[in-house]
Amino acid sequence: PPELSFVFDEYVMNDKHEVRLDLKLNQASDVPVIVDIALIDGTATYGEDYWGFRDFDSELYLTVIFAPRQTYMRLPRIKIPSQGNCNVEFSARLLKSTVQQAAIKKDSTRITIPCI
C-alpha cells in the first residue's frame, strides 16, 4: 500500500504568523485515502500560542481525503497569534486508527514558533 507522511520533519512559523503543513503519499492510490490529523500541545499551548486550523474555525482536528491518484496535499493554515509565546513548539500527528488504504511512514511533525 502507499505510505503516508508529513513532507518535513519540522515546520516553522512564517512572517504572516501562520504555518502550512504538507502531506505526501509515496505512490498513488486507486482509491481515496482518508486521514485524520490532530494538533497536540508541546511547550506551546492551544488557544494561547496557536489557534488551530484557521480555515476550519481553529479546530484541533481535521479530516482530509486524498483523491484517487493524488500524492500531495497542502493543509489549511494554522494561525499563530502575534502576542503568543516564542521559542515554543507543538506537533501535528496522523491518527493511525483512521488512515484507510495507506500505511503511515512518519506519523508526526514538530512545529516551532520562533521569536521574530
Protein backbone atom coordinates (compact mmCIF):
# COMPACT_ATOMS: atom_id res chain seq x y z
CA PRO A 1 0.00 0.00 0.00
CA PRO A 2 1.05 3.65 -0.35
CA GLU A 3 2.94 5.18 2.58
CA LEU A 4 1.70 8.45 4.07
CA SER A 5 3.93 11.02 5.80
CA PHE A 6 4.47 14.68 6.52
CA VAL A 7 6.79 16.22 3.92
CA PHE A 8 9.13 17.80 6.50
CA ASP A 9 10.32 16.75 9.97
CA GLU A 10 9.83 20.29 11.25
CA TYR A 11 7.88 23.36 10.22
CA VAL A 12 8.48 26.95 11.35
CA MET A 13 6.00 29.83 11.60
CA ASN A 14 6.29 32.29 8.69
CA ASP A 15 6.24 36.11 8.78
CA LYS A 16 2.41 36.07 8.43
CA HIS A 17 2.14 34.25 11.78
CA GLU A 18 0.93 31.03 10.25
CA VAL A 19 2.16 27.54 9.41
CA ARG A 20 1.25 25.36 6.42
CA LEU A 21 1.76 21.60 6.72
CA ASP A 22 2.16 19.25 3.76
CA LEU A 23 1.32 15.56 3.44
CA LYS A 24 2.50 13.13 0.80
CA LEU A 25 1.87 9.61 -0.38
CA ASN A 26 4.94 7.87 -1.78
CA GLN A 27 2.79 6.37 -4.54
CA ALA A 28 -0.67 6.98 -5.91
CA SER A 29 -3.65 5.01 -4.69
CA ASP A 30 -6.53 3.89 -6.88
CA VAL A 31 -8.97 4.62 -4.06
CA PRO A 32 -9.39 7.64 -1.75
CA VAL A 33 -7.11 7.80 1.30
CA ILE A 34 -8.79 9.27 4.40
CA VAL A 35 -6.57 10.81 7.08
CA ASP A 36 -7.35 12.39 10.46
CA ILE A 37 -4.81 14.90 11.75
CA ALA A 38 -4.57 16.25 15.31
CA LEU A 39 -2.63 19.20 16.69
CA ILE A 40 -1.04 18.41 20.07
CA ASP A 41 0.39 20.78 22.68
CA GLY A 42 4.07 20.65 23.49
CA THR A 43 5.66 23.68 25.12
CA ALA A 44 3.15 25.71 23.06
CA THR A 45 -0.46 25.77 24.29
CA TYR A 46 -3.59 25.72 22.10
CA GLY A 47 -5.58 28.95 22.41
CA GLU A 48 -2.59 30.85 23.74
CA ASP A 49 0.33 30.13 21.39
CA TYR A 50 -1.53 28.70 18.36
CA TRP A 51 -5.15 28.68 17.24
CA GLY A 52 -5.61 25.53 15.19
CA PHE A 53 -6.58 25.13 11.54
CA ARG A 54 -7.58 28.64 10.50
CA ASP A 55 -9.99 27.80 7.68
CA PHE A 56 -11.93 25.43 9.96
CA ASP A 57 -12.81 27.64 12.96
CA SER A 58 -9.45 26.95 14.62
CA GLU A 59 -10.15 23.25 15.05
CA LEU A 60 -7.51 20.96 16.56
CA TYR A 61 -8.63 18.01 14.42
CA LEU A 62 -9.01 17.82 10.68
CA THR A 63 -10.03 15.06 8.28
CA VAL A 64 -8.68 15.20 4.75
CA ILE A 65 -9.14 12.92 1.78
CA PHE A 66 -6.57 12.23 -0.90
CA ALA A 67 -8.46 11.70 -4.14
CA PRO A 68 -7.52 8.67 -6.23
CA ARG A 69 -4.09 9.26 -7.86
CA GLN A 70 -3.39 12.34 -5.66
CA THR A 71 0.01 12.15 -3.92
CA TYR A 72 0.50 15.61 -2.35
CA MET A 73 -1.68 17.80 -0.14
CA ARG A 74 -1.15 21.21 1.47
CA LEU A 75 -3.22 21.50 4.65
CA PRO A 76 -5.15 24.59 5.79
CA ARG A 77 -3.17 27.27 7.62
CA ILE A 78 -2.53 27.07 11.35
CA LYS A 79 -2.77 30.59 12.79
CA ILE A 80 -0.21 31.78 15.36
CA PRO A 81 -1.21 34.85 17.42
CA SER A 82 1.37 37.65 17.38
CA GLN A 83 1.12 38.05 21.17
CA GLY A 84 1.82 34.36 21.90
CA ASN A 85 5.00 32.93 23.37
CA CYS A 86 8.04 32.37 21.21
CA ASN A 87 10.64 29.60 21.15
CA VAL A 88 7.89 27.08 21.86
CA GLU A 89 6.62 24.15 19.82
CA PHE A 90 3.68 21.84 19.26
CA SER A 91 3.14 18.92 16.93
CA ALA A 92 0.78 17.53 14.34
CA ARG A 93 0.05 13.82 14.36
CA LEU A 94 -1.56 11.48 11.86
CA LEU A 95 -4.07 9.39 13.77
CA LYS A 96 -3.29 5.82 12.78
CA SER A 97 -6.70 4.40 13.59
CA THR A 98 -8.40 6.39 10.85
CA VAL A 99 -5.96 6.05 7.97
CA GLN A 100 -7.52 3.85 5.32
CA GLN A 101 -5.88 2.39 2.23
CA ALA A 102 -2.36 3.52 3.23
CA ALA A 103 0.38 2.77 5.72
CA ILE A 104 1.84 5.55 7.86
CA LYS A 105 5.56 6.13 7.36
CA LYS A 106 6.04 9.25 9.53
CA ASP A 107 3.13 9.97 11.86
CA SER A 108 4.16 13.31 13.39
CA THR A 109 5.96 16.57 12.74
CA ARG A 110 7.16 19.36 15.03
CA ILE A 111 6.01 22.96 14.57
CA THR A 112 8.25 25.69 16.01
CA ILE A 113 7.21 29.25 16.88
CA PRO A 114 10.39 31.36 16.79
CA CYS A 115 10.91 34.86 18.17
CA ILE A 116 10.68 37.41 15.35
